[in-house]
C-alpha atoms as a PDB file:
ATOM      1  CA  UNK A   1       4.014  10.564 -20.664  1.00  0.00           C
ATOM      2  CA  UNK A   2       0.774  10.538 -22.692  1.00  0.00           C
ATOM      3  CA  UNK A   3       0.896  10.001 -26.434  1.00  0.00           C
ATOM      4  CA  UNK A   4      -0.440  12.732 -28.743  1.00  0.00           C
ATOM      5  CA  UNK A   5      -3.285  11.253 -30.791  1.00  0.00           C
ATOM      6  CA  UNK A   6      -4.464  14.552 -32.265  1.00  0.00           C
ATOM      7  CA  UNK A   7      -3.312  13.847 -35.823  1.00  0.00           C
ATOM      8  CA  UNK A   8      -5.083  10.479 -35.891  1.00  0.00           C
ATOM      9  CA  UNK A   9      -8.324  12.028 -34.663  1.00  0.00           C
ATOM     10  CA  UNK A  10      -8.153  14.784 -37.264  1.00  0.00           C
ATOM     11  CA  UNK A  11      -7.540  12.295 -40.095  1.00  0.00           C
ATOM     12  CA  UNK A  12     -10.321   9.965 -38.939  1.00  0.00           C
ATOM     13  CA  UNK A  13     -12.803  12.781 -38.424  1.00  0.00           C
ATOM     14  CA  UNK A  14     -11.939  15.012 -41.379  1.00  0.00           C
ATOM     15  CA  UNK A  15     -15.346  14.510 -42.987  1.00  0.00           C
ATOM     16  CA  UNK A  16     -17.367  14.714 -39.767  1.00  0.00           C
ATOM     17  CA  UNK A  17     -17.268  18.188 -38.180  1.00  0.00           C
ATOM     18  CA  UNK A  18     -19.031  17.107 -34.975  1.00  0.00           C
ATOM     19  CA  UNK A  19     -16.577  14.292 -34.275  1.00  0.00           C
ATOM     20  CA  UNK A  20     -13.675  16.548 -35.190  1.00  0.00           C
ATOM     21  CA  UNK A  21     -14.883  19.124 -32.657  1.00  0.00           C
ATOM     22  CA  UNK A  22     -15.266  16.439 -29.985  1.00  0.00           C
ATOM     23  CA  UNK A  23     -11.754  15.253 -30.757  1.00  0.00           C
ATOM     24  CA  UNK A  24     -10.382  18.791 -30.417  1.00  0.00           C
ATOM     25  CA  UNK A  25     -12.122  19.241 -27.057  1.00  0.00           C
ATOM     26  CA  UNK A  26     -10.669  15.937 -25.794  1.00  0.00           C
ATOM     27  CA  UNK A  27      -7.217  17.023 -27.020  1.00  0.00           C
ATOM     28  CA  UNK A  28      -7.549  20.347 -25.187  1.00  0.00           C
ATOM     29  CA  UNK A  29      -8.397  18.510 -21.962  1.00  0.00           C
ATOM     30  CA  UNK A  30      -5.375  16.252 -22.436  1.00  0.00           C
ATOM     31  CA  UNK A  31      -3.165  19.294 -23.071  1.00  0.00           C
ATOM     32  CA  UNK A  32      -4.421  21.008 -19.907  1.00  0.00           C
ATOM     33  CA  UNK A  33      -3.183  18.017 -17.901  1.00  0.00           C
ATOM     34  CA  UNK A  34       0.357  18.310 -19.269  1.00  0.00           C
ATOM     35  CA  UNK A  35       3.206  20.530 -18.127  1.00  0.00           C
ATOM     36  CA  UNK A  36       3.441  23.868 -19.984  1.00  0.00           C
ATOM     37  CA  UNK A  37       6.693  22.923 -21.743  1.00  0.00           C
ATOM     38  CA  UNK A  38       5.076  19.798 -23.158  1.00  0.00           C
ATOM     39  CA  UNK A  39       2.000  21.746 -24.244  1.00  0.00           C
ATOM     40  CA  UNK A  40       4.202  24.252 -26.056  1.00  0.00           C
ATOM     41  CA  UNK A  41       6.077  21.445 -27.763  1.00  0.00           C
ATOM     42  CA  UNK A  42       2.855  19.764 -28.903  1.00  0.00           C
ATOM     43  CA  UNK A  43       1.411  23.029 -30.160  1.00  0.00           C
ATOM     44  CA  UNK A  44       4.610  23.935 -32.023  1.00  0.00           C
ATOM     45  CA  UNK A  45       4.526  20.546 -33.720  1.00  0.00           C
ATOM     46  CA  UNK A  46       0.893  21.067 -34.710  1.00  0.00           C
ATOM     47  CA  UNK A  47       1.717  24.504 -36.094  1.00  0.00           C
ATOM     48  CA  UNK A  48       4.540  23.040 -38.184  1.00  0.00           C
ATOM     49  CA  UNK A  49       2.244  20.279 -39.499  1.00  0.00           C
ATOM     50  CA  UNK A  50      -0.436  22.811 -40.447  1.00  0.00           C
ATOM     51  CA  UNK A  51       2.165  25.071 -42.069  1.00  0.00           C
ATOM     52  CA  UNK A  52       3.516  22.163 -44.125  1.00  0.00           C
ATOM     53  CA  UNK A  53      -0.031  21.205 -45.128  1.00  0.00           C
ATOM     54  CA  UNK A  54      -0.748  24.811 -46.141  1.00  0.00           C
ATOM     55  CA  UNK A  55       2.427  25.012 -48.228  1.00  0.00           C
ATOM     56  CA  UNK A  56       1.544  21.745 -50.021  1.00  0.00           C
ATOM     57  CA  UNK A  57      -1.969  22.969 -50.780  1.00  0.00           C
ATOM     58  CA  UNK A  58      -0.628  26.320 -51.937  1.00  0.00           C
ATOM     59  CA  UNK A  59       1.879  24.640 -54.273  1.00  0.00           C
ATOM     60  CA  UNK A  60      -0.818  22.318 -55.619  1.00  0.00           C
ATOM     61  CA  UNK A  61      -3.117  25.275 -56.254  1.00  0.00           C
ATOM     62  CA  UNK A  62      -0.365  27.201 -58.053  1.00  0.00           C
ATOM     63  CA  UNK A  63       0.294  24.126 -60.227  1.00  0.00           C
ATOM     64  CA  UNK A  64      -3.435  23.870 -60.935  1.00  0.00           C
ATOM     65  CA  UNK A  65      -3.597  27.543 -61.986  1.00  0.00           C
ATOM     66  CA  UNK A  66      -0.634  27.103 -64.366  1.00  0.00           C
ATOM     67  CA  UNK A  67      -2.143  23.930 -65.846  1.00  0.00           C
ATOM     68  CA  UNK A  68      -5.554  25.593 -66.306  1.00  0.00           C
ATOM     69  CA  UNK A  69      -3.926  28.579 -67.997  1.00  0.00           C
ATOM     70  CA  UNK A  70      -1.984  26.331 -70.397  1.00  0.00           C
ATOM     71  CA  UNK A  71      -5.119  24.329 -71.189  1.00  0.00           C
ATOM     72  CA  UNK A  72      -7.066  27.526 -71.862  1.00  0.00           C
ATOM     73  CA  UNK A  73      -4.364  28.808 -74.222  1.00  0.00           C
ATOM     74  CA  UNK A  74      -4.281  25.433 -75.988  1.00  0.00           C
ATOM     75  CA  UNK A  75      -8.069  25.426 -76.442  1.00  0.00           C
ATOM     76  CA  UNK A  76      -7.997  28.940 -77.878  1.00  0.00           C
ATOM     77  CA  UNK A  77      -5.130  28.055 -80.220  1.00  0.00           C
ATOM     78  CA  UNK A  78      -6.805  24.857 -81.406  1.00  0.00           C
ATOM     79  CA  UNK A  79     -10.186  26.485 -81.907  1.00  0.00           C
ATOM     80  CA  UNK A  80      -8.535  29.029 -84.226  1.00  0.00           C
ATOM     81  CA  UNK A  81      -6.786  26.230 -86.134  1.00  0.00           C
ATOM     82  CA  UNK A  82     -10.025  24.266 -86.495  1.00  0.00           C
ATOM     83  CA  UNK A  83     -11.864  27.324 -87.811  1.00  0.00           C
ATOM     84  CA  UNK A  84      -9.162  27.988 -90.404  1.00  0.00           C
ATOM     85  CA  UNK A  85      -9.189  24.333 -91.506  1.00  0.00           C
ATOM     86  CA  UNK A  86     -12.954  24.492 -91.958  1.00  0.00           C
ATOM     87  CA  UNK A  87     -12.813  27.757 -93.921  1.00  0.00           C
ATOM     88  CA  UNK A  88      -9.912  26.852 -96.251  1.00  0.00           C
ATOM     89  CA  UNK A  89     -12.022  24.789 -98.692  1.00  0.00           C
ATOM     90  CA  UNK A  90     -14.497  27.676 -98.929  1.00  0.00           C
ATOM     91  CA  UNK A  91     -11.726  30.152 -99.706  1.00  0.00           C
ATOM     92  CA  UNK A  92     -10.303  27.757-102.295  1.00  0.00           C
ATOM     93  CA  UNK A  93     -13.716  27.453-103.967  1.00  0.00           C
ATOM     94  CA  UNK A  94     -14.145  31.218-104.063  1.00  0.00           C
ATOM     95  CA  UNK A  95     -10.662  31.628-105.516  1.00  0.00           C
ATOM     96  CA  UNK A  96     -11.439  29.012-108.193  1.00  0.00           C
ATOM     97  CA  UNK A  97     -14.725  30.775-108.997  1.00  0.00           C
ATOM     98  CA  UNK A  98     -12.876  34.066-109.533  1.00  0.00           C
ATOM     99  CA  UNK A  99     -10.345  32.397-111.863  1.00  0.00           C
ATOM    100  CA  UNK A 100     -13.121  30.988-114.029  1.00  0.00           C
ATOM    101  CA  UNK A 101     -15.151  34.207-114.174  1.00  0.00           C
ATOM    102  CA  UNK A 102     -15.030  35.545-117.747  1.00  0.00           C
ATOM    103  CA  UNK A 103     -16.060  38.733-119.372  1.00  0.00           C
ATOM    104  CA  UNK A 104     -17.660  41.701-117.737  1.00  0.00           C
ATOM    105  CA  UNK A 105     -17.650  41.599-113.904  1.00  0.00           C
ATOM    106  CA  UNK A 106     -21.060  40.690-112.548  1.00  0.00           C
ATOM    107  CA  UNK A 107     -22.551  41.270-109.140  1.00  0.00           C
ATOM    108  CA  UNK A 108     -21.666  37.706-108.173  1.00  0.00           C
ATOM    109  CA  UNK A 109     -18.020  37.975-109.193  1.00  0.00           C
ATOM    110  CA  UNK A 110     -17.738  41.374-107.501  1.00  0.00           C
ATOM    111  CA  UNK A 111     -19.267  39.896-104.343  1.00  0.00           C
ATOM    112  CA  UNK A 112     -16.813  37.007-104.418  1.00  0.00           C
ATOM    113  CA  UNK A 113     -13.909  39.427-104.657  1.00  0.00           C
END
């Protein structure tokens, strides 16, 4: 019984498409030499491995989307807080200017209001 080395070849050649293709061709030749039941078993195992890999990637991507959404909301919330903190002293100064305005309203005091 020949050992299935497909997973090792895929891992070793993940960043080299030409070697990965060569590895797949060699694996196909090895599968053609096996009895049909064994080929089915090997292929079912490969399908399960790919399905598990897909589900992991899908879950990771969903987690990434949730994290990115939370970060975006946090940035928006903080940017609003920062703007308010920067504007508060200005509002306080305008309020103080209105309190100290005496007499007839001028264009400046009306503008401040």
